[in-house]
Amino acid sequence: MKKFLLSFILFPFFYCSAQTGTEIILFDMKIKEGKVILSNGKNITRHTGYDNQPFFHPSKPVIYYSSFNDSDRSDIKYFDYKKNTTANLTLTREREYSPVVTPDGKFISCIIQRDNGAQDLGKYPIHGGEPTVLISDLVVGYHAWADKNRLLLFVLADSNRHTLRDYYLLAKRDTVLAMNIGRSLHKIPGVETMSFVQKVNDKEFAVKKYDLSTGAITDIAIIQGTDHLTWLNNGLILTSSGAQLFSYRADTDSNWQPVVIEGDRAMLKGITRLAANTKNDKLAVVVSE
């Protein structure tokens, strides 16, 4: 596989159970002559503790995310960036992580971590209400919807040999596709393929795509020091070194290109996650407090 290496300092990868303090920065985003340009960065959480795992509603100006409260419980919150308001979707005794809008737009699916050690995949009505458990026989860490009945799952395993599963919801049937995967699962915009990352060694992750029709898995690129990325509609991939952002397009680029940051860059430290909205005019960046 041809390697496309990011030219920055390597940061070790840890799959952490302890949650550290993070904030979500929302940027305006535009693409000009193939370059990604970010501006007007704004801290939308401003809350001591963990605020992470942002996910944009596909058609509304809303970001869902997981946030720890003062009782060491994580709930799903949402921020309306037109109204500049924040509210809770959940307020429970459980811990909810990794919110995703379901394909029908009626629910927020998320990981529900229980005090007895169980870790289910469930869904809450998008306007609030009681959850429905979708998967309870696997320890799901992350998920991405392929369609209303099919998901890719990151399933936790011993010795960090986490598995990628292709899961059919109605049949409750799954297939193991890969091992030693990272946390980043995505539906690639505009095509019937999904992407995931697979650990190559302690310093590198391979970005791969999975064809939902044929089952073929092919290589896209190599990223160093991180397992997180996001996709834009034009085929660009965005990832981070921890303090800088980079873009890459497999069919045209030979190297990763630095993202242009207009304005204050000081808030960009310890970047761990990225999420773009459907219009690709907003980017959420998770940073260290």
Protein backbone atom coordinates (compact mmCIF):
# COMPACT_ATOMS: atom_id res chain seq x y z
CA MET A 1 0.00 0.00 0.00
CA LYS A 2 1.26 3.44 -0.90
CA LYS A 3 1.79 5.50 2.24
CA PHE A 4 0.78 9.13 2.59
CA LEU A 5 2.50 10.30 5.74
CA LEU A 6 1.70 13.37 7.77
CA SER A 7 4.79 15.42 8.50
CA PHE A 8 4.29 16.21 12.16
CA ILE A 9 5.32 15.02 15.61
CA LEU A 10 3.83 11.66 16.52
CA PHE A 11 1.34 11.41 19.33
CA PRO A 12 0.76 8.04 21.02
CA PHE A 13 -2.67 6.45 20.74
CA PHE A 14 -4.52 5.39 23.86
CA TYR A 15 -7.98 3.91 24.12
CA CYS A 16 -8.86 5.53 27.46
CA SER A 17 -11.62 4.64 29.86
CA ALA A 18 -10.90 7.68 32.04
CA GLN A 19 -12.30 10.81 30.45
CA THR A 20 -10.21 13.98 30.46
CA GLY A 21 -11.41 17.56 30.20
CA THR A 22 -12.26 18.62 26.64
CA GLU A 23 -14.08 21.42 24.86
CA ILE A 24 -15.75 21.69 21.44
CA ILE A 25 -14.69 24.53 19.15
CA LEU A 26 -17.01 25.39 16.25
CA PHE A 27 -15.45 26.93 13.13
CA ASP A 28 -16.84 28.40 9.97
CA MET A 29 -15.40 26.39 7.07
CA LYS A 30 -14.92 27.04 3.38
CA ILE A 31 -12.99 25.35 0.60
CA LYS A 32 -11.19 27.60 -1.88
CA GLU A 33 -8.98 26.30 -4.70
CA GLY A 34 -8.75 22.93 -2.97
CA LYS A 35 -7.69 24.38 0.38
CA VAL A 36 -9.76 24.06 3.55
CA ILE A 37 -10.02 27.37 5.42
CA LEU A 38 -11.33 27.68 8.98
CA SER A 39 -12.32 30.93 10.68
CA ASN A 40 -14.32 32.41 13.58
CA GLY A 41 -13.51 29.65 16.05
CA LYS A 42 -15.86 29.64 19.04
CA ASN A 43 -15.93 27.51 22.18
CA ILE A 44 -19.52 26.23 22.28
CA THR A 45 -19.31 24.21 25.50
CA ARG A 46 -17.37 26.29 28.08
CA HIS A 47 -17.93 23.65 30.70
CA THR A 48 -15.35 22.15 33.04
CA GLY A 49 -14.89 18.46 32.27
CA TYR A 50 -15.63 16.19 29.34
CA ASP A 51 -17.51 17.57 26.32
CA ASN A 52 -16.82 15.38 23.31
CA GLN A 53 -18.02 13.22 20.40
CA PRO A 54 -19.82 15.93 18.39
CA PHE A 55 -22.30 14.92 15.67
CA PHE A 56 -24.17 17.36 13.42
CA HIS A 57 -27.86 17.00 12.65
CA PRO A 58 -28.05 16.44 8.87
CA SER A 59 -30.51 19.29 8.18
CA LYS A 60 -30.74 21.47 11.30
CA PRO A 61 -28.17 23.86 12.87
CA VAL A 62 -27.65 21.52 15.82
CA ILE A 63 -24.65 19.64 17.24
CA TYR A 64 -25.20 16.69 19.60
CA TYR A 65 -22.42 15.70 21.98
CA SER A 66 -21.64 13.78 25.16
CA SER A 67 -21.05 15.79 28.34
CA PHE A 68 -20.22 14.79 31.92
CA ASN A 69 -22.25 16.35 34.72
CA ASP A 70 -21.25 17.05 38.32
CA SER A 71 -22.30 13.53 39.38
CA ASP A 72 -19.79 11.91 37.01
CA ARG A 73 -22.56 10.88 34.62
CA SER A 74 -22.47 11.64 30.92
CA ASP A 75 -25.58 12.82 29.12
CA ILE A 76 -26.32 13.78 25.54
CA LYS A 77 -26.58 17.55 25.06
CA TYR A 78 -27.25 19.59 21.95
CA PHE A 79 -26.18 23.05 20.87
CA ASP A 80 -28.20 25.14 18.41
CA TYR A 81 -25.64 27.33 16.64
CA LYS A 82 -28.25 29.63 15.13
CA LYS A 83 -29.94 30.36 18.45
CA ASN A 84 -26.73 29.96 20.49
CA THR A 85 -28.52 27.75 23.03
CA THR A 86 -27.63 24.49 24.78
CA ALA A 87 -30.01 21.90 26.23
CA ASN A 88 -30.06 18.30 27.45
CA LEU A 89 -31.49 15.50 25.34
CA THR A 90 -30.91 12.99 28.16
CA LEU A 91 -30.66 13.41 31.91
CA THR A 92 -30.36 9.89 33.28
CA ARG A 93 -28.57 7.71 35.80
CA GLU A 94 -26.82 5.93 32.93
CA ARG A 95 -23.86 7.23 30.93
CA GLU A 96 -24.51 8.05 27.28
CA TYR A 97 -21.79 8.44 24.67
CA SER A 98 -21.30 8.84 20.91
CA PRO A 99 -24.61 10.37 19.75
CA VAL A 100 -25.59 9.78 16.10
CA VAL A 101 -28.76 10.84 14.28
CA THR A 102 -30.48 7.71 12.93
CA PRO A 103 -31.16 7.48 9.16
CA ASP A 104 -34.88 8.20 9.63
CA GLY A 105 -34.06 11.36 11.59
CA LYS A 106 -36.38 10.37 14.45
CA PHE A 107 -33.85 9.21 17.05
CA ILE A 108 -30.41 9.74 18.50
CA SER A 109 -28.59 6.43 18.77
CA CYS A 110 -25.83 6.26 21.36
CA ILE A 111 -23.82 4.01 23.63
CA ILE A 112 -25.54 3.45 26.99
CA GLN A 113 -23.07 2.45 29.70
CA ARG A 114 -24.63 0.96 32.81
CA ASP A 115 -23.35 0.61 36.37
CA ASN A 116 -23.35 -3.19 36.12
CA GLY A 117 -20.74 -3.05 33.35
CA ALA A 118 -23.13 -3.54 30.44
CA GLN A 119 -22.60 -1.29 27.44
CA ASP A 120 -25.55 -1.30 25.04
CA LEU A 121 -26.35 0.47 21.83
CA GLY A 122 -29.69 2.23 22.20
CA LYS A 123 -31.70 5.09 20.75
CA TYR A 124 -33.62 8.00 22.28
CA PRO A 125 -36.43 9.89 20.53
CA ILE A 126 -34.85 12.99 19.05
CA HIS A 127 -37.27 15.25 20.95
CA GLY A 128 -36.75 13.36 24.24
CA GLY A 129 -38.23 10.28 25.86
CA GLU A 130 -37.37 6.77 27.00
CA PRO A 131 -34.70 4.77 25.17
CA THR A 132 -35.02 1.61 23.11
CA VAL A 133 -32.16 -0.90 23.33
CA LEU A 134 -30.94 -1.97 19.90
CA ILE A 135 -27.95 -4.18 20.72
CA SER A 136 -27.22 -5.67 24.14
CA ASP A 137 -25.18 -8.80 23.36
CA LEU A 138 -22.05 -6.98 22.17
CA VAL A 139 -19.91 -4.40 23.95
CA VAL A 140 -20.26 -1.61 21.40
CA GLY A 141 -17.83 1.30 21.62
CA TYR A 142 -18.69 3.26 18.46
CA HIS A 143 -21.12 2.93 15.58
CA ALA A 144 -22.07 4.37 12.19
CA TRP A 145 -25.27 3.78 10.22
CA ALA A 146 -25.05 2.39 6.67
CA ASP A 147 -28.84 2.45 6.30
CA LYS A 148 -31.89 2.07 8.54
CA ASN A 149 -31.17 -1.64 9.14
CA ARG A 150 -27.38 -1.86 8.87
CA LEU A 151 -24.52 -0.52 10.98
CA LEU A 152 -20.78 -0.73 11.29
CA LEU A 153 -19.77 -1.38 14.87
CA PHE A 154 -16.56 -0.95 16.83
CA VAL A 155 -16.81 -3.82 19.34
CA LEU A 156 -14.49 -3.77 22.34
CA ALA A 157 -12.25 -6.78 22.92
CA ASP A 158 -9.42 -7.80 25.21
CA SER A 159 -5.84 -6.60 24.58
CA ASN A 160 -7.17 -3.70 22.46
CA ARG A 161 -7.90 -6.09 19.56
CA HIS A 162 -11.18 -4.34 18.87
CA THR A 163 -13.24 -5.73 16.00
CA LEU A 164 -15.18 -4.15 13.16
CA ARG A 165 -18.61 -5.72 12.68
CA ASP A 166 -21.13 -5.38 9.85
CA TYR A 167 -24.40 -5.67 11.77
CA TYR A 168 -27.92 -6.28 10.39
CA LEU A 169 -30.36 -4.97 12.95
CA LEU A 170 -33.56 -6.86 12.09
CA ALA A 171 -31.84 -10.22 11.77
CA LYS A 172 -29.53 -9.55 14.75
CA ARG A 173 -26.73 -10.93 12.57
CA ASP A 174 -23.19 -9.62 12.31
CA THR A 175 -19.97 -10.40 10.48
CA VAL A 176 -16.46 -9.62 11.69
CA LEU A 177 -14.70 -7.59 8.98
CA ALA A 178 -11.41 -6.58 10.62
CA MET A 179 -9.47 -6.54 13.88
CA ASN A 180 -7.25 -3.99 15.63
CA ILE A 181 -9.42 -1.14 14.43
CA GLY A 182 -9.58 2.46 15.62
CA ARG A 183 -12.54 4.54 16.72
CA SER A 184 -13.34 6.40 13.49
CA LEU A 185 -16.29 4.94 11.55
CA HIS A 186 -17.99 6.94 8.79
CA LYS A 187 -20.41 6.74 5.90
CA ILE A 188 -18.46 8.27 3.01
CA PRO A 189 -20.58 11.07 1.48
CA GLY A 190 -22.13 10.40 -1.91
CA VAL A 191 -21.16 6.74 -2.31
CA GLU A 192 -22.28 3.39 -0.91
CA THR A 193 -19.12 2.83 1.08
CA MET A 194 -18.02 3.19 4.68
CA SER A 195 -14.61 4.03 6.07
CA PHE A 196 -12.74 2.76 9.09
CA VAL A 197 -9.18 2.84 10.40
CA GLN A 198 -7.03 -0.14 11.26
CA LYS A 199 -3.91 -0.15 13.39
CA VAL A 200 -0.74 -0.90 11.43
CA ASN A 201 1.71 -0.40 14.29
CA ASP A 202 2.11 1.83 17.33
CA LYS A 203 2.54 4.90 15.12
CA GLU A 204 0.32 4.32 12.08
CA PHE A 205 -3.31 3.71 11.16
CA ALA A 206 -4.52 2.67 7.72
CA VAL A 207 -7.62 4.44 6.41
CA LYS A 208 -9.74 1.86 4.58
CA LYS A 209 -13.05 1.82 2.75
CA TYR A 210 -15.66 -0.93 2.81
CA ASP A 211 -17.96 -1.37 -0.19
CA LEU A 212 -21.43 -2.08 1.18
CA SER A 213 -22.54 -3.88 -2.00
CA THR A 214 -19.54 -6.10 -2.75
CA GLY A 215 -17.93 -6.40 0.67
CA ALA A 216 -14.57 -5.37 -0.77
CA ILE A 217 -12.13 -3.59 1.56
CA THR A 218 -9.49 -1.35 -0.03
CA ASP A 219 -6.81 1.01 1.24
CA ILE A 220 -7.02 4.80 1.03
CA ALA A 221 -4.10 6.24 3.02
CA ILE A 222 -1.93 6.02 6.12
CA ILE A 223 -2.25 8.48 9.00
CA GLN A 224 0.21 8.77 11.85
CA GLY A 225 -0.37 9.25 15.54
CA THR A 226 -4.19 9.43 15.48
CA ASP A 227 -7.15 7.24 14.63
CA HIS A 228 -9.68 10.00 14.03
CA LEU A 229 -10.82 11.75 10.86
CA THR A 230 -13.88 13.17 9.16
CA TRP A 231 -15.05 13.33 5.52
CA LEU A 232 -16.19 16.27 3.42
CA ASN A 233 -18.60 16.03 0.49
CA ASN A 234 -15.91 16.54 -2.16
CA GLY A 235 -13.93 13.48 -1.06
CA LEU A 236 -11.54 15.36 1.23
CA ILE A 237 -10.46 13.71 4.47
CA LEU A 238 -9.62 15.89 7.46
CA THR A 239 -7.43 14.71 10.32
CA SER A 240 -5.16 16.23 12.96
CA SER A 241 -1.70 16.05 14.47
CA GLY A 242 -2.96 17.22 17.85
CA ALA A 243 -2.28 20.92 17.20
CA GLN A 244 -2.66 21.26 13.42
CA LEU A 245 -5.30 20.09 10.94
CA PHE A 246 -4.61 18.47 7.58
CA SER A 247 -6.64 17.55 4.50
CA TYR A 248 -6.15 14.86 1.87
CA ARG A 249 -7.96 13.76 -1.27
CA ALA A 250 -6.99 10.30 -2.48
CA ASP A 251 -7.61 10.85 -6.19
CA THR A 252 -5.62 14.09 -6.51
CA ASP A 253 -3.25 14.64 -3.58
CA SER A 254 0.17 13.06 -3.10
CA ASN A 255 0.59 14.51 0.39
CA TRP A 256 -1.52 15.79 3.25
CA GLN A 257 -2.13 19.53 3.04
CA PRO A 258 -2.27 21.88 6.05
CA VAL A 259 -5.65 23.44 6.76
CA VAL A 260 -5.61 27.24 6.86
CA ILE A 261 -6.65 28.68 10.24
CA GLU A 262 -7.70 32.32 10.22
CA GLY A 263 -7.69 34.11 13.57
CA ASP A 264 -6.68 32.80 17.00
CA ARG A 265 -4.93 29.42 16.81
CA ALA A 266 -4.21 29.22 20.55
CA MET A 267 -7.42 27.28 21.24
CA LEU A 268 -6.26 24.43 18.99
CA LYS A 269 -4.42 22.18 21.43
CA GLY A 270 -4.73 18.47 22.01
CA ILE A 271 -7.15 17.94 19.10
CA THR A 272 -8.78 14.51 19.33
CA ARG A 273 -11.95 14.56 17.19
CA LEU A 274 -13.46 16.29 14.19
CA ALA A 275 -16.96 16.50 12.73
CA ALA A 276 -18.26 18.37 9.68
CA ASN A 277 -21.85 19.34 8.96
CA THR A 278 -23.68 18.23 5.81
CA LYS A 279 -23.26 21.59 4.06
CA ASN A 280 -19.53 21.53 4.87
CA ASP A 281 -19.62 25.12 6.11
CA LYS A 282 -19.07 24.19 9.78
CA LEU A 283 -16.42 22.08 11.50
CA ALA A 284 -16.49 20.98 15.14
CA VAL A 285 -13.06 20.35 16.69
CA VAL A 286 -12.58 18.72 20.09
CA VAL A 287 -9.61 20.16 22.02
CA SER A 288 -8.08 19.84 25.47
CA GLU A 289 -9.33 22.21 28.15
